Structure formats: C-alpha cells, structure tokens
N, C-alpha and C. Protein backbone atom coordinates (compact mmCIF):
# COMPACT_ATOMS: atom_id res chain seq x y z
N LEU A 1 97.45 80.91 94.33
CA LEU A 1 98.82 80.69 93.90
C LEU A 1 99.60 81.88 94.05
N ALA A 2 99.19 82.96 93.84
CA ALA A 2 99.74 84.27 93.78
C ALA A 2 100.12 84.52 95.26
N SER A 3 99.19 84.29 96.16
CA SER A 3 99.64 84.59 97.70
C SER A 3 100.81 83.88 98.00
N ILE A 4 100.86 82.54 97.60
CA ILE A 4 101.94 81.62 98.10
C ILE A 4 103.19 82.10 97.46
N ILE A 5 103.03 82.62 96.29
CA ILE A 5 104.49 83.14 95.50
C ILE A 5 104.83 84.43 96.45
N CYS A 6 104.02 85.24 96.89
CA CYS A 6 104.42 86.43 97.67
C CYS A 6 104.97 85.90 98.95
N VAL A 7 104.29 84.97 99.63
CA VAL A 7 104.97 84.42 101.03
C VAL A 7 106.29 83.90 100.68
N GLY A 8 106.52 83.01 99.53
CA GLY A 8 107.71 82.45 99.27
C GLY A 8 108.76 83.54 98.99
N LEU A 9 108.47 84.67 98.17
CA LEU A 9 109.37 85.67 97.92
C LEU A 9 109.94 86.33 99.28
N ASN A 10 108.84 86.52 100.03
CA ASN A 10 109.23 87.16 101.35
C ASN A 10 110.10 86.33 102.26
N LEU A 11 109.90 84.99 102.38
CA LEU A 11 110.77 84.23 102.97
C LEU A 11 111.98 84.02 102.30
N THR A 12 112.20 84.03 101.14
CA THR A 12 113.44 84.13 100.45
C THR A 12 114.15 85.43 100.72
N CYS A 13 113.66 86.63 100.53
CA CYS A 13 114.32 87.78 100.98
C CYS A 13 114.74 87.93 102.25
N GLN A 14 113.99 87.58 103.29
CA GLN A 14 114.35 87.49 104.56
C GLN A 14 115.34 86.42 105.07
N SER A 15 115.40 85.32 104.20
CA SER A 15 116.46 84.30 104.41
C SER A 15 117.86 84.89 103.98
N TYR A 16 117.74 85.38 102.90
CA TYR A 16 119.16 85.97 102.23
C TYR A 16 119.51 87.19 103.21
N PHE A 17 118.77 87.99 103.61
CA PHE A 17 119.27 89.17 104.71
C PHE A 17 119.91 88.42 106.00
N VAL A 18 119.08 87.57 106.43
CA VAL A 18 119.80 86.62 107.65
C VAL A 18 121.20 86.12 107.23
N PHE A 19 121.32 85.55 106.25
CA PHE A 19 122.52 85.06 105.78
C PHE A 19 123.63 86.33 105.76
N VAL A 20 123.09 87.29 105.03
CA VAL A 20 124.28 88.50 104.91
C VAL A 20 124.38 89.02 106.47
N GLN A 21 123.54 88.92 107.17
CA GLN A 21 123.75 89.72 108.50
C GLN A 21 124.58 88.92 109.40
N HIS A 22 124.54 87.46 109.18
CA HIS A 22 125.29 86.73 110.13
C HIS A 22 126.51 85.86 109.36
N ARG A 23 126.75 86.08 108.12
CA ARG A 23 127.85 85.38 107.44
C ARG A 23 129.29 85.54 108.09
N LYS A 24 129.53 86.64 108.62
CA LYS A 24 131.01 86.88 109.14
C LYS A 24 131.17 86.46 110.35
N GLN A 25 130.34 85.69 111.03
CA GLN A 25 130.51 85.26 112.30
C GLN A 25 130.95 83.87 112.35
N ASN A 26 130.84 83.16 111.26
CA ASN A 26 131.34 81.70 111.06
C ASN A 26 130.91 81.00 112.08
N ASN A 27 129.66 81.13 112.61
CA ASN A 27 128.84 80.03 113.45
C ASN A 27 127.91 79.75 112.88
N TRP A 28 128.02 78.30 112.31
CA TRP A 28 127.00 77.75 111.44
C TRP A 28 125.71 77.14 112.20
N LEU A 29 125.89 77.07 113.61
CA LEU A 29 124.91 76.75 114.40
C LEU A 29 123.95 78.13 114.63
N LEU A 30 124.36 79.13 114.77
CA LEU A 30 123.86 80.27 114.89
C LEU A 30 122.99 80.32 113.62
N MET A 31 123.60 80.38 112.44
CA MET A 31 123.07 80.66 111.22
C MET A 31 121.78 79.77 110.92
N ALA A 32 121.97 78.45 111.50
CA ALA A 32 120.92 77.56 111.14
C ALA A 32 119.66 77.79 112.07
N LYS A 33 119.93 78.49 113.30
CA LYS A 33 119.10 78.82 114.35
C LYS A 33 118.22 80.10 113.69
N GLU A 34 119.03 80.94 113.26
CA GLU A 34 118.45 82.22 112.70
C GLU A 34 117.54 81.74 111.45
N GLN A 35 117.88 80.91 110.78
CA GLN A 35 117.20 80.47 109.36
C GLN A 35 116.01 79.77 109.88
N ALA A 36 116.13 78.99 110.86
CA ALA A 36 114.86 78.30 111.45
C ALA A 36 113.84 79.17 111.86
N ILE A 37 114.25 80.37 112.61
CA ILE A 37 113.31 81.34 112.96
C ILE A 37 112.63 81.95 111.78
N VAL A 38 113.30 82.21 110.67
CA VAL A 38 112.69 82.74 109.53
C VAL A 38 111.68 81.81 108.98
N PHE A 39 112.15 80.69 108.70
CA PHE A 39 111.10 79.75 108.03
C PHE A 39 110.05 79.02 108.81
N SER A 40 110.11 79.39 110.07
CA SER A 40 109.09 79.06 111.10
C SER A 40 107.98 80.15 111.11
N LEU A 41 108.32 81.43 110.53
CA LEU A 41 107.57 82.53 110.45
C LEU A 41 107.51 83.23 111.89
N LEU A 42 108.45 82.97 112.77
CA LEU A 42 108.44 83.81 114.08
C LEU A 42 109.46 84.88 113.90
N LYS A 43 110.01 85.33 112.85
CA LYS A 43 111.03 86.49 112.96
C LYS A 43 110.38 87.72 113.24
N PRO A 44 109.48 88.30 112.85
CA PRO A 44 108.81 89.45 113.63
C PRO A 44 108.82 89.42 114.94
N GLY A 45 108.22 88.36 115.64
CA GLY A 45 108.19 88.25 117.14
C GLY A 45 109.51 88.29 117.73
N VAL A 46 110.40 87.63 117.10
CA VAL A 46 111.81 87.48 117.59
C VAL A 46 112.56 88.82 117.57
N ASP A 47 112.30 89.65 116.52
CA ASP A 47 112.96 90.84 116.30
C ASP A 47 112.27 91.83 117.32
N ALA A 48 111.16 91.83 117.52
CA ALA A 48 110.47 92.51 118.48
C ALA A 48 110.92 92.52 119.86
N HIS A 49 111.08 91.18 120.12
CA HIS A 49 111.70 91.04 121.66
C HIS A 49 112.92 91.36 121.64
N ARG A 50 113.79 91.26 120.64
CA ARG A 50 115.32 91.53 120.61
C ARG A 50 115.33 93.22 120.81
N VAL A 51 114.42 93.96 120.16
CA VAL A 51 114.47 95.28 120.25
C VAL A 51 113.85 95.79 121.70
N ALA A 52 113.02 95.07 122.17
CA ALA A 52 112.24 95.30 123.31
C ALA A 52 113.40 95.11 124.64
N THR A 53 114.29 94.10 124.38
CA THR A 53 115.14 93.93 125.48
C THR A 53 116.58 94.51 125.00
N SER A 54 116.64 95.38 124.08
CA SER A 54 117.89 96.09 123.72
C SER A 54 118.94 95.15 123.64
N THR A 55 118.69 94.16 122.81
CA THR A 55 119.83 93.19 122.55
C THR A 55 120.93 93.74 121.88
N LYS A 56 122.26 93.60 122.31
CA LYS A 56 123.39 94.31 121.68
C LYS A 56 123.75 93.77 120.35
N GLN A 57 124.44 94.44 119.53
CA GLN A 57 124.78 93.85 118.24
C GLN A 57 126.01 93.01 118.14
N GLY A 58 125.95 91.92 117.74
CA GLY A 58 127.08 91.11 117.86
C GLY A 58 128.24 91.34 117.08
N ILE A 59 129.30 90.67 117.42
CA ILE A 59 130.65 90.92 116.63
C ILE A 59 130.23 90.44 115.21
N GLY A 60 130.71 91.10 114.28
CA GLY A 60 130.45 90.64 112.64
C GLY A 60 129.14 90.84 112.13
N GLU A 61 128.23 91.38 112.93
CA GLU A 61 126.79 91.43 112.44
C GLU A 61 126.83 92.71 111.74
N LEU A 62 125.88 92.68 110.61
CA LEU A 62 125.78 93.95 109.67
C LEU A 62 125.19 94.97 110.31
N ALA A 63 124.08 94.67 111.15
CA ALA A 63 123.03 95.74 111.59
C ALA A 63 122.85 95.47 113.12
N ASP A 64 122.39 96.47 113.90
CA ASP A 64 121.81 96.34 115.43
C ASP A 64 120.37 95.58 115.12
N SER A 65 119.71 95.38 116.34
CA SER A 65 118.40 94.70 116.27
C SER A 65 117.40 95.71 115.85
N LYS A 66 117.59 96.70 116.15
CA LYS A 66 116.36 97.71 115.57
C LYS A 66 116.49 97.91 114.14
N THR A 67 117.65 98.06 113.45
CA THR A 67 117.86 98.22 112.20
C THR A 67 117.41 96.92 111.21
N GLU A 68 117.86 95.68 112.02
CA GLU A 68 117.45 94.40 111.34
C GLU A 68 115.95 94.46 111.31
N MET A 69 115.17 94.74 112.46
CA MET A 69 113.80 94.77 112.34
C MET A 69 113.35 95.63 111.37
N SER A 70 113.92 96.67 111.17
CA SER A 70 113.38 97.59 110.21
C SER A 70 113.40 97.19 108.70
N TYR A 71 114.64 96.56 108.48
CA TYR A 71 114.82 95.93 107.23
C TYR A 71 113.82 94.84 106.96
N MET A 72 113.65 94.01 107.88
CA MET A 72 112.75 92.93 107.74
C MET A 72 111.31 93.42 107.43
N LYS A 73 110.90 94.49 108.32
CA LYS A 73 109.46 95.07 107.91
C LYS A 73 109.33 95.75 106.43
N ILE A 74 110.43 96.29 105.96
CA ILE A 74 110.52 96.69 104.58
C ILE A 74 110.53 95.63 103.54
N ILE A 75 111.18 94.40 103.76
CA ILE A 75 111.14 93.44 103.08
C ILE A 75 109.71 92.74 103.08
N GLU A 76 109.12 92.71 104.27
CA GLU A 76 107.70 92.26 104.24
C GLU A 76 106.77 93.07 103.58
N LEU A 77 106.79 94.36 103.68
CA LEU A 77 105.99 95.23 103.17
C LEU A 77 105.95 95.03 101.58
N VAL A 78 107.30 95.23 101.06
CA VAL A 78 107.47 95.20 99.61
C VAL A 78 107.12 93.83 98.88
N SER A 79 107.63 92.69 99.56
CA SER A 79 107.50 91.35 98.94
C SER A 79 106.22 90.61 99.21
N GLU A 80 105.51 91.07 100.30
CA GLU A 80 104.27 90.24 100.75
C GLU A 80 102.92 91.17 100.87
N SER A 81 103.07 92.27 101.57
CA SER A 81 101.93 93.17 101.83
C SER A 81 101.22 93.97 100.72
N ILE A 82 102.15 94.50 99.84
CA ILE A 82 101.89 95.31 98.77
C ILE A 82 101.25 94.27 97.64
N PRO A 83 102.03 93.22 97.34
CA PRO A 83 101.39 92.53 96.21
C PRO A 83 100.16 91.77 96.74
N GLY A 84 100.16 91.42 97.99
CA GLY A 84 98.80 90.80 98.56
C GLY A 84 97.80 91.70 98.53
N THR A 85 97.95 93.11 98.59
CA THR A 85 96.75 94.12 98.62
C THR A 85 96.30 94.15 97.07
N LEU A 86 97.39 94.18 96.20
CA LEU A 86 97.02 94.19 94.72
C LEU A 86 96.16 92.94 94.27
N ILE A 87 96.69 91.83 94.80
CA ILE A 87 95.86 90.49 94.32
C ILE A 87 94.50 90.54 95.00
N GLN A 88 94.31 91.09 96.23
CA GLN A 88 92.95 91.27 96.86
C GLN A 88 92.00 92.18 95.96
N LEU A 89 92.70 93.58 95.50
CA LEU A 89 92.17 94.54 94.78
C LEU A 89 91.61 93.98 93.33
N SER A 90 92.42 92.99 92.77
CA SER A 90 92.18 92.50 91.34
C SER A 90 90.81 91.58 91.53
N ALA A 91 90.82 90.90 92.78
CA ALA A 91 89.74 89.85 92.98
C ALA A 91 88.38 90.40 92.98
N MET A 92 88.48 91.83 93.67
CA MET A 92 87.36 92.61 93.86
C MET A 92 86.78 93.25 92.56
N PHE A 93 87.56 93.45 91.67
CA PHE A 93 87.15 94.12 90.57
C PHE A 93 87.03 93.34 89.20
C-alpha cells in the first residue's frame, strides 16, 4: 500500500509540474497529450528523447527540455525513490 501511495504522489507532483509548465500556452490538446504521457509512465523516456534531440523551448513554457527533465528526476527521487528505499529497509529489519 505504501508503494502505491509513493507512485501516486510521484504522478501527482509530475502532473502538477506539467500543468505549470504548459499553462500559459492555452493549448488544451497539448496539455492533454502531456498529461497522458505522465499518467502512462512514459515521461522519463519522452524527456530523454527531447533532451537527446535538443528540442527547443516552446513559447510560454516555463523551462527548456533539459531543465524539465532535471525537475522530473528530482520529483521522482523525492516522492518515489527515497520513500521506496525506506519502505524496503523497514521490511528488512
């Protein structure tokens, strides 16, 4: 149950960041596409592709692709990886 909560927290934080990243573009189709990427758990791969292909920052976006990927990794680390490690350690002892 605790692992599911960690993954849910991660998805919620990533979804909020994607909303903040794209809110000024007023393109709800793009917002829906980006949210679908988050909830399908493909966001790390899509971010890596965008960084590898040097995708330019869109008009109205908060951050470029490299910064966005860095923020997503920080969110993932804080909301999923560290609590997951603590859950595993508590199960061992």
